[in-house]
Amino acid sequence: LYFSAQEGILIFYDIKDLQYEIKICADISQPISSLMFSPDYTSLLLVTEQGTVYSYKPAHSGEAVKLLDTSSSCFLAADFLTPGNNYCVSVTISGEVQVWSLEDGSFLSKLNLGIEVQV
């Protein structure tokens, strides 16, 4: 079970029968608004309220890697664009949908929905 603390810490609960172990996986020092696993469960996207997206690979137990920074106070959410783990889609409150490359964090495309978006 993965979850995030208010301070931007990614925590893993390893639950086996009635026993559990807590492990701190990453500290990104920004409040995390959402967590999403890739379709093949090899990567975990950490999305902050400030519009920064990090990747964490549970099998490698390394640090979270900053993928992109939208620097938008209107940023709402991001998720993997399937199939595969190569692209990410984000959305802003104003209704702008953006596509990013997860390989280098480059901006690829956008679409304005023309309406406000809510989570």
Protein backbone atom coordinates (compact mmCIF):
# COMPACT_ATOMS: atom_id res chain seq x y z
CA LEU A 1 0.00 0.00 0.00
CA TYR A 2 1.49 3.35 -1.09
CA PHE A 3 0.31 6.67 0.26
CA SER A 4 1.63 10.16 0.76
CA ALA A 5 1.90 12.28 3.86
CA GLN A 6 0.95 15.96 3.80
CA GLU A 7 4.63 16.99 3.83
CA GLY A 8 5.37 15.30 0.48
CA ILE A 9 6.64 11.97 1.77
CA LEU A 10 5.85 8.77 -0.16
CA ILE A 11 5.27 5.92 2.28
CA PHE A 12 4.91 2.17 1.64
CA TYR A 13 3.06 -0.20 3.98
CA ASP A 14 4.21 -3.79 3.42
CA ILE A 15 1.30 -5.82 4.83
CA LYS A 16 1.66 -9.57 5.41
CA ASP A 17 -1.07 -11.35 7.35
CA LEU A 18 -1.44 -9.39 10.62
CA GLN A 19 2.06 -7.86 10.42
CA TYR A 20 3.11 -4.71 8.61
CA GLU A 21 6.28 -2.78 7.97
CA ILE A 22 6.50 0.93 7.14
CA LYS A 23 9.08 2.23 4.67
CA ILE A 24 9.68 5.84 3.63
CA CYS A 25 10.32 5.70 -0.13
CA ALA A 26 10.81 9.32 -1.15
CA ASP A 27 10.61 12.86 0.18
CA ILE A 28 9.82 15.49 -2.45
CA SER A 29 9.11 18.28 0.06
CA GLN A 30 5.88 19.34 -1.68
CA PRO A 31 2.34 18.25 -0.82
CA ILE A 32 1.38 15.34 -3.11
CA SER A 33 -2.11 15.66 -4.56
CA SER A 34 -2.32 12.29 -6.30
CA LEU A 35 -0.55 9.00 -7.00
CA MET A 36 -1.06 6.87 -10.12
CA PHE A 37 0.49 3.57 -11.16
CA SER A 38 1.49 2.99 -14.77
CA PRO A 39 -0.56 0.37 -16.64
CA ASP A 40 2.16 -2.24 -16.07
CA TYR A 41 2.69 -1.19 -12.40
CA THR A 42 6.41 -0.48 -12.90
CA SER A 43 6.20 3.28 -12.27
CA LEU A 44 4.29 5.48 -9.90
CA LEU A 45 3.50 9.11 -10.78
CA LEU A 46 3.56 11.55 -7.87
CA VAL A 47 1.67 14.74 -8.70
CA THR A 48 2.06 17.82 -6.51
CA GLU A 49 -0.37 20.68 -5.99
CA GLN A 50 2.19 23.03 -7.57
CA GLY A 51 2.17 21.16 -10.89
CA THR A 52 5.33 19.11 -10.55
CA VAL A 53 5.27 15.45 -11.61
CA TYR A 54 7.72 12.89 -10.23
CA SER A 55 8.29 9.25 -11.13
CA TYR A 56 9.07 6.55 -8.58
CA LYS A 57 9.98 2.99 -9.59
CA PRO A 58 9.14 0.63 -6.69
CA ALA A 59 11.32 -2.21 -8.04
CA HIS A 60 14.40 0.04 -8.01
CA SER A 61 13.70 1.58 -4.57
CA GLY A 62 15.45 4.75 -5.64
CA GLU A 63 14.51 8.37 -5.19
CA ALA A 64 11.62 10.01 -6.97
CA VAL A 65 12.79 11.64 -10.20
CA LYS A 66 11.33 14.99 -11.30
CA LEU A 67 9.81 14.48 -14.75
CA LEU A 68 8.17 17.80 -15.45
CA ASP A 69 7.17 21.04 -13.85
CA THR A 70 4.11 22.73 -15.28
CA SER A 71 4.56 25.61 -12.80
CA SER A 72 0.85 26.20 -12.88
CA SER A 73 -1.15 27.10 -9.81
CA CYS A 74 -4.21 25.92 -11.76
CA PHE A 75 -2.82 22.39 -12.18
CA LEU A 76 -5.30 19.67 -11.15
CA ALA A 77 -4.04 16.21 -12.05
CA ALA A 78 -1.88 14.03 -14.29
CA ASP A 79 -1.94 10.41 -15.36
CA PHE A 80 -0.23 8.02 -17.75
CA LEU A 81 -1.42 8.15 -21.34
CA THR A 82 -1.88 4.53 -22.35
CA PRO A 83 -0.80 2.28 -23.90
CA GLY A 84 2.70 2.26 -22.46
CA ASN A 85 4.57 4.41 -19.95
CA ASN A 86 6.06 7.01 -22.29
CA TYR A 87 3.53 9.83 -22.09
CA CYS A 88 1.62 11.74 -19.45
CA VAL A 89 -1.53 13.82 -19.72
CA SER A 90 -2.30 16.69 -17.34
CA VAL A 91 -5.26 19.00 -16.90
CA THR A 92 -5.62 22.51 -15.47
CA ILE A 93 -8.61 24.09 -13.74
CA SER A 94 -9.17 26.26 -16.84
CA GLY A 95 -9.69 23.10 -18.94
CA GLU A 96 -6.37 22.86 -20.76
CA VAL A 97 -5.33 19.24 -21.38
CA GLN A 98 -1.59 18.84 -21.99
CA VAL A 99 0.49 15.89 -23.22
CA TRP A 100 4.08 15.46 -22.00
CA SER A 101 6.91 13.07 -22.78
CA LEU A 102 7.96 11.19 -19.65
CA GLU A 103 11.31 10.42 -21.23
CA ASP A 104 12.58 14.02 -21.10
CA GLY A 105 9.67 16.06 -19.69
CA SER A 106 9.09 17.88 -22.96
CA PHE A 107 5.73 19.43 -23.76
CA LEU A 108 4.14 17.77 -26.82
CA SER A 109 0.60 19.02 -27.29
CA LYS A 110 -2.40 20.72 -25.71
CA LEU A 111 -6.14 20.95 -26.14
CA ASN A 112 -8.36 23.58 -24.56
CA LEU A 113 -11.73 22.14 -23.52
CA GLY A 114 -13.26 25.61 -23.12
CA ILE A 115 -14.74 24.80 -19.70
CA GLU A 116 -13.56 24.78 -16.10
CA VAL A 117 -12.55 21.37 -14.77
CA GLN A 118 -13.09 19.98 -11.26
CA VAL A 119 -11.74 16.88 -9.56
